PDB file of N, CA and C in Angstrom:
ATOM      1  N   MET A   1      68.219 106.761 144.462  1.00  0.00           N
ATOM      2  CA  MET A   1      67.200 105.272 144.771  1.00  0.00           C
ATOM      3  C   MET A   1      68.731 104.275 144.452  1.00  0.00           C
ATOM      4  N   ASP A   2      68.822 103.091 144.645  1.00  0.00           N
ATOM      5  CA  ASP A   2      69.326 102.269 144.381  1.00  0.00           C
ATOM      6  C   ASP A   2      69.261 100.822 143.969  1.00  0.00           C
ATOM      7  N   HIS A   3      69.886 100.551 143.288  1.00  0.00           N
ATOM      8  CA  HIS A   3      69.916  99.092 142.333  1.00  0.00           C
ATOM      9  C   HIS A   3      70.410  97.684 143.876  1.00  0.00           C
ATOM     10  N   TYR A   4      68.946  97.606 143.087  1.00  0.00           N
ATOM     11  CA  TYR A   4      69.064  95.551 144.571  1.00  0.00           C
ATOM     12  C   TYR A   4      69.470  94.874 143.618  1.00  0.00           C
ATOM     13  N   PHE A   5      69.382  93.356 143.863  1.00  0.00           N
ATOM     14  CA  PHE A   5      69.546  92.568 143.401  1.00  0.00           C
ATOM     15  C   PHE A   5      69.877  91.250 145.313  1.00  0.00           C
ATOM     16  N   VAL A   6      69.133  89.476 144.764  1.00  0.00           N
ATOM     17  CA  VAL A   6      69.102  88.726 145.252  1.00  0.00           C
ATOM     18  C   VAL A   6      69.485  87.837 145.071  1.00  0.00           C
ATOM     19  N   ASN A   7      70.230  87.098 146.220  1.00  0.00           N
ATOM     20  CA  ASN A   7      71.229  85.817 145.970  1.00  0.00           C
ATOM     21  C   ASN A   7      70.278  84.579 145.913  1.00  0.00           C
ATOM     22  N   THR A   8      69.979  84.402 144.442  1.00  0.00           N
ATOM     23  CA  THR A   8      68.891  82.794 143.853  1.00  0.00           C
ATOM     24  C   THR A   8      69.222  81.436 144.633  1.00  0.00           C
ATOM     25  N   HIS A   9      71.066  81.959 145.368  1.00  0.00           N
ATOM     26  CA  HIS A   9      71.145  80.405 146.066  1.00  0.00           C
ATOM     27  C   HIS A   9      71.092  81.160 147.793  1.00  0.00           C
ATOM     28  N   ALA A  10      70.112  79.784 147.580  1.00  0.00           N
ATOM     29  CA  ALA A  10      69.918  80.194 149.255  1.00  0.00           C
ATOM     30  C   ALA A  10      71.567  79.758 150.329  1.00  0.00           C
ATOM     31  N   LEU A  11      71.115  81.546 151.340  1.00  0.00           N
ATOM     32  CA  LEU A  11      72.569  80.419 152.648  1.00  0.00           C
ATOM     33  C   LEU A  11      72.057  79.485 152.805  1.00  0.00           C
ATOM     34  N   PRO A  12      73.440  78.447 154.283  1.00  0.00           N
ATOM     35  CA  PRO A  12      72.849  77.900 154.511  1.00  0.00           C
ATOM     36  C   PRO A  12      71.245  77.643 155.481  1.00  0.00           C
ATOM     37  N   ASN A  13      71.631  78.813 155.811  1.00  0.00           N
ATOM     38  CA  ASN A  13      69.789  78.883 157.178  1.00  0.00           C
ATOM     39  C   ASN A  13      68.818  79.090 155.906  1.00  0.00           C
ATOM     40  N   GLY A  14      68.408  78.941 154.757  1.00  0.00           N
ATOM     41  CA  GLY A  14      67.750  79.246 154.426  1.00  0.00           C
ATOM     42  C   GLY A  14      67.389  80.794 153.298  1.00  0.00           C
ATOM     43  N   ASP A  15      67.672  82.075 153.837  1.00  0.00           N
ATOM     44  CA  ASP A  15      67.321  82.916 153.475  1.00  0.00           C
ATOM     45  C   ASP A  15      68.219  83.048 152.026  1.00  0.00           C
ATOM     46  N   HIS A  16      67.514  84.131 151.792  1.00  0.00           N
ATOM     47  CA  HIS A  16      68.074  85.009 150.179  1.00  0.00           C
ATOM     48  C   HIS A  16      68.375  85.772 150.851  1.00  0.00           C
ATOM     49  N   GLU A  17      69.216  86.077 150.002  1.00  0.00           N
ATOM     50  CA  GLU A  17      70.138  87.802 150.928  1.00  0.00           C
ATOM     51  C   GLU A  17      70.047  88.885 149.789  1.00  0.00           C
ATOM     52  N   VAL A  18      69.577  90.151 150.587  1.00  0.00           N
ATOM     53  CA  VAL A  18      69.165  90.692 149.355  1.00  0.00           C
ATOM     54  C   VAL A  18      70.581  92.329 149.459  1.00  0.00           C
ATOM     55  N   HIS A  19      71.070  93.005 148.375  1.00  0.00           N
ATOM     56  CA  HIS A  19      72.075  93.120 147.771  1.00  0.00           C
ATOM     57  C   HIS A  19      71.869  94.678 147.061  1.00  0.00           C
ATOM     58  N   LYS A  20      72.674  95.689 147.648  1.00  0.00           N
ATOM     59  CA  LYS A  20      72.495  96.583 147.068  1.00  0.00           C
ATOM     60  C   LYS A  20      73.698  97.178 145.639  1.00  0.00           C
ATOM     61  N   VAL A  21      73.666  97.760 144.669  1.00  0.00           N
ATOM     62  CA  VAL A  21      75.153  97.694 144.166  1.00  0.00           C
ATOM     63  C   VAL A  21      76.056  98.300 144.717  1.00  0.00           C
ATOM     64  N   GLY A  22      77.275  97.164 144.136  1.00  0.00           N
ATOM     65  CA  GLY A  22      78.179  97.433 145.039  1.00  0.00           C
ATOM     66  C   GLY A  22      78.567  97.329 146.184  1.00  0.00           C
ATOM     67  N   CYS A  23      78.074  96.732 146.309  1.00  0.00           N
ATOM     68  CA  CYS A  23      78.155  95.367 148.197  1.00  0.00           C
ATOM     69  C   CYS A  23      79.405  94.432 147.917  1.00  0.00           C
ATOM     70  N   TYR A  24      80.062  94.344 148.259  1.00  0.00           N
ATOM     71  CA  TYR A  24      81.806  93.562 148.518  1.00  0.00           C
ATOM     72  C   TYR A  24      80.877  92.184 149.058  1.00  0.00           C
ATOM     73  N   TYR A  25      79.924  92.266 148.920  1.00  0.00           N
ATOM     74  CA  TYR A  25      79.559  90.300 149.119  1.00  0.00           C
ATOM     75  C   TYR A  25      77.909  90.047 148.146  1.00  0.00           C
ATOM     76  N   MET A  26      78.009  90.728 147.011  1.00  0.00           N
ATOM     77  CA  MET A  26      77.304  90.621 146.270  1.00  0.00           C
ATOM     78  C   MET A  26      78.103  89.252 145.442  1.00  0.00           C
ATOM     79  N   PRO A  27      76.319  88.990 145.427  1.00  0.00           N
ATOM     80  CA  PRO A  27      76.907  87.006 145.042  1.00  0.00           C
ATOM     81  C   PRO A  27      76.917  87.158 143.641  1.00  0.00           C
ATOM     82  N   SER A  28      77.540  85.965 142.550  1.00  0.00           N
ATOM     83  CA  SER A  28      77.343  86.326 141.798  1.00  0.00           C
ATOM     84  C   SER A  28      76.167  85.641 140.798  1.00  0.00           C
ATOM     85  N   ASP A  29      75.246  84.756 141.852  1.00  0.00           N
ATOM     86  CA  ASP A  29      74.467  83.964 141.179  1.00  0.00           C
ATOM     87  C   ASP A  29      72.799  84.919 141.716  1.00  0.00           C
ATOM     88  N   ARG A  30      72.539  85.540 141.418  1.00  0.00           N
ATOM     89  CA  ARG A  30      71.840  86.873 141.510  1.00  0.00           C
ATOM     90  C   ARG A  30      70.762  86.793 140.889  1.00  0.00           C
ATOM     91  N   LYS A  31      69.276  88.227 141.209  1.00  0.00           N
ATOM     92  CA  LYS A  31      68.154  88.051 141.153  1.00  0.00           C
ATOM     93  C   LYS A  31      68.307  89.750 140.548  1.00  0.00           C
ATOM     94  N   TYR A  32      67.921  90.354 139.797  1.00  0.00           N
ATOM     95  CA  TYR A  32      68.075  91.848 139.441  1.00  0.00           C
ATOM     96  C   TYR A  32      66.640  92.463 140.329  1.00  0.00           C
ATOM     97  N   LEU A  33      66.509  93.451 141.096  1.00  0.00           N
ATOM     98  CA  LEU A  33      64.471  93.498 141.911  1.00  0.00           C
ATOM     99  C   LEU A  33      64.895  94.600 141.411  1.00  0.00           C
ATOM    100  N   GLY A  34      65.669  95.630 141.342  1.00  0.00           N
ATOM    101  CA  GLY A  34      65.469  97.134 140.992  1.00  0.00           C
ATOM    102  C   GLY A  34      65.473  97.737 141.216  1.00  0.00           C
ATOM    103  N   GLN A  35      65.267  98.688 141.238  1.00  0.00           N
ATOM    104  CA  GLN A  35      66.129 100.527 142.036  1.00  0.00           C
ATOM    105  C   GLN A  35      64.646 100.451 142.968  1.00  0.00           C
ATOM    106  N   PHE A  36      64.728 100.958 144.032  1.00  0.00           N
ATOM    107  CA  PHE A  36      64.306 100.643 145.199  1.00  0.00           C
ATOM    108  C   PHE A  36      64.940 102.421 146.075  1.00  0.00           C
ATOM    109  N   PRO A  37      64.606 103.016 146.957  1.00  0.00           N
ATOM    110  CA  PRO A  37      64.697 104.247 147.962  1.00  0.00           C
ATOM    111  C   PRO A  37      65.243 103.981 149.195  1.00  0.00           C
ATOM    112  N   THR A  38      65.252 102.416 149.300  1.00  0.00           N
ATOM    113  CA  THR A  38      65.403 101.851 151.072  1.00  0.00           C
ATOM    114  C   THR A  38      65.658  99.960 150.507  1.00  0.00           C
ATOM    115  N   CYS A  39      65.773  99.448 151.303  1.00  0.00           N
ATOM    116  CA  CYS A  39      66.073  97.973 151.281  1.00  0.00           C
ATOM    117  C   CYS A  39      64.600  97.241 151.201  1.00  0.00           C
ATOM    118  N   ALA A  40      63.859  98.213 151.059  1.00  0.00           N
ATOM    119  CA  ALA A  40      62.699  97.461 152.437  1.00  0.00           C
ATOM    120  C   ALA A  40      61.997  97.316 150.970  1.00  0.00           C
ATOM    121  N   GLY A  41      61.847  98.210 149.992  1.00  0.00           N
ATOM    122  CA  GLY A  41      60.913  97.632 149.300  1.00  0.00           C
ATOM    123  C   GLY A  41      61.734  96.442 148.319  1.00  0.00           C
ATOM    124  N   ALA A  42      62.951  96.515 148.370  1.00  0.00           N
ATOM    125  CA  ALA A  42      63.829  95.691 147.889  1.00  0.00           C
ATOM    126  C   ALA A  42      62.988  94.401 148.510  1.00  0.00           C
ATOM    127  N   VAL A  43      63.723  93.773 149.747  1.00  0.00           N
ATOM    128  CA  VAL A  43      63.291  92.304 150.068  1.00  0.00           C
ATOM    129  C   VAL A  43      61.863  92.436 149.967  1.00  0.00           C
ATOM    130  N   LEU A  44      60.536  93.540 150.056  1.00  0.00           N
ATOM    131  CA  LEU A  44      59.916  92.874 149.627  1.00  0.00           C
ATOM    132  C   LEU A  44      59.575  92.542 148.674  1.00  0.00           C
ATOM    133  N   GLU A  45      60.003  92.570 147.101  1.00  0.00           N
ATOM    134  CA  GLU A  45      60.039  92.329 146.041  1.00  0.00           C
ATOM    135  C   GLU A  45      60.531  90.779 145.843  1.00  0.00           C
ATOM    136  N   ALA A  46      61.745  91.027 146.583  1.00  0.00           N
ATOM    137  CA  ALA A  46      62.440  89.456 146.776  1.00  0.00           C
ATOM    138  C   ALA A  46      61.397  88.695 146.810  1.00  0.00           C
ATOM    139  N   ARG A  47      60.267  88.878 147.649  1.00  0.00           N
ATOM    140  CA  ARG A  47      59.958  87.458 148.547  1.00  0.00           C
ATOM    141  C   ARG A  47      58.264  87.370 147.708  1.00  0.00           C
ATOM    142  N   LYS A  48      58.793  87.978 146.050  1.00  0.00           N
ATOM    143  CA  LYS A  48      57.453  87.722 145.684  1.00  0.00           C
ATOM    144  C   LYS A  48      58.281  86.294 145.076  1.00  0.00           C
ATOM    145  N   HIS A  49      59.322  86.118 144.628  1.00  0.00           N
ATOM    146  CA  HIS A  49      60.448  84.363 144.484  1.00  0.00           C
ATOM    147  C   HIS A  49      60.587  84.003 145.542  1.00  0.00           C
ATOM    148  N   TYR A  50      61.214  84.494 146.425  1.00  0.00           N
ATOM    149  CA  TYR A  50      61.099  83.664 147.808  1.00  0.00           C
ATOM    150  C   TYR A  50      60.501  83.900 148.987  1.00  0.00           C
ATOM    151  N   ALA A  51      60.371  82.557 149.165  1.00  0.00           N
ATOM    152  CA  ALA A  51      59.623  82.588 150.949  1.00  0.00           C
ATOM    153  C   ALA A  51      60.895  83.160 151.981  1.00  0.00           C
ATOM    154  N   GLN A  52      61.645  83.189 152.265  1.00  0.00           N
ATOM    155  CA  GLN A  52      62.872  83.853 152.902  1.00  0.00           C
ATOM    156  C   GLN A  52      63.451  84.407 152.135  1.00  0.00           C
ATOM    157  N   VAL A  53      63.335  85.501 152.628  1.00  0.00           N
ATOM    158  CA  VAL A  53      64.038  86.921 152.696  1.00  0.00           C
ATOM    159  C   VAL A  53      65.232  87.456 153.505  1.00  0.00           C
ATOM    160  N   ASN A  54      66.372  87.722 153.580  1.00  0.00           N
ATOM    161  CA  ASN A  54      66.768  89.086 154.257  1.00  0.00           C
ATOM    162  C   ASN A  54      67.741  89.642 153.936  1.00  0.00           C
ATOM    163  N   GLY A  55      67.872  90.833 154.820  1.00  0.00           N
ATOM    164  CA  GLY A  55      68.997  91.484 154.035  1.00  0.00           C
ATOM    165  C   GLY A  55      70.270  91.412 154.881  1.00  0.00           C
ATOM    166  N   CYS A  56      71.459  91.967 153.371  1.00  0.00           N
ATOM    167  CA  CYS A  56      72.558  91.387 153.631  1.00  0.00           C
ATOM    168  C   CYS A  56      73.073  92.243 154.709  1.00  0.00           C
ATOM    169  N   LYS A  57      73.632  92.043 156.378  1.00  0.00           N
ATOM    170  CA  LYS A  57      74.452  93.019 156.803  1.00  0.00           C
ATOM    171  C   LYS A  57      75.125  93.805 156.684  1.00  0.00           C
ATOM    172  N   HIS A  58      75.683  93.442 155.454  1.00  0.00           N
ATOM    173  CA  HIS A  58      77.369  94.569 155.662  1.00  0.00           C
ATOM    174  C   HIS A  58      76.383  95.642 154.775  1.00  0.00           C
ATOM    175  N   CYS A  59      75.392  95.444 153.522  1.00  0.00           N
ATOM    176  CA  CYS A  59      74.819  96.550 152.589  1.00  0.00           C
ATOM    177  C   CYS A  59      73.510  96.954 152.980  1.00  0.00           C
ATOM    178  N   ALA A  60      72.791  96.199 153.503  1.00  0.00           N
ATOM    179  CA  ALA A  60      71.422  96.343 153.555  1.00  0.00           C
ATOM    180  C   ALA A  60      71.374  96.353 155.143  1.00  0.00           C
ATOM    181  N   LYS A  61      71.879  96.897 156.144  1.00  0.00           N
ATOM    182  CA  LYS A  61      71.941  96.803 157.448  1.00  0.00           C
ATOM    183  C   LYS A  61      70.081  97.219 157.715  1.00  0.00           C
ATOM    184  N   ASP A  62      69.170  98.428 157.612  1.00  0.00           N
ATOM    185  CA  ASP A  62      68.163  98.234 158.504  1.00  0.00           C
ATOM    186  C   ASP A  62      67.363  97.069 157.790  1.00  0.00           C
ATOM    187  N   CYS A  63      67.424  96.226 156.687  1.00  0.00           N
ATOM    188  CA  CYS A  63      66.440  95.001 156.812  1.00  0.00           C
ATOM    189  C   CYS A  63      67.570  93.573 156.969  1.00  0.00           C
ATOM    190  N   HIS A  64      68.337  93.795 157.705  1.00  0.00           N
ATOM    191  CA  HIS A  64      68.538  92.470 158.134  1.00  0.00           C
ATOM    192  C   HIS A  64      67.617  92.306 159.455  1.00  0.00           C
ATOM    193  N   THR A  65      67.584  91.070 159.493  1.00  0.00           N
ATOM    194  CA  THR A  65      67.537  90.606 160.553  1.00  0.00           C
ATOM    195  C   THR A  65      68.150  89.197 161.448  1.00  0.00           C
ATOM    196  N   GLN A  66      68.258  88.819 162.197  1.00  0.00           N
ATOM    197  CA  GLN A  66      68.567  87.857 162.799  1.00  0.00           C
ATOM    198  C   GLN A  66      68.631  86.403 163.178  1.00  0.00           C
TER     199      GLN A  66
END
């Protein structure tokens, strides 16, 4: 299981990105979401805090939408 975080600051398009520990693009302003077997669980957890959530296209590819 991996540790996941969500960016506390939205991107210009409004997304709060979910990142896995070790991601090169991990933001410094982040909220810990917990440990999950896949990014899907982390995205669901992030949606409890933010309405617009997306997976990082680098470390959470399976949860990234265009």
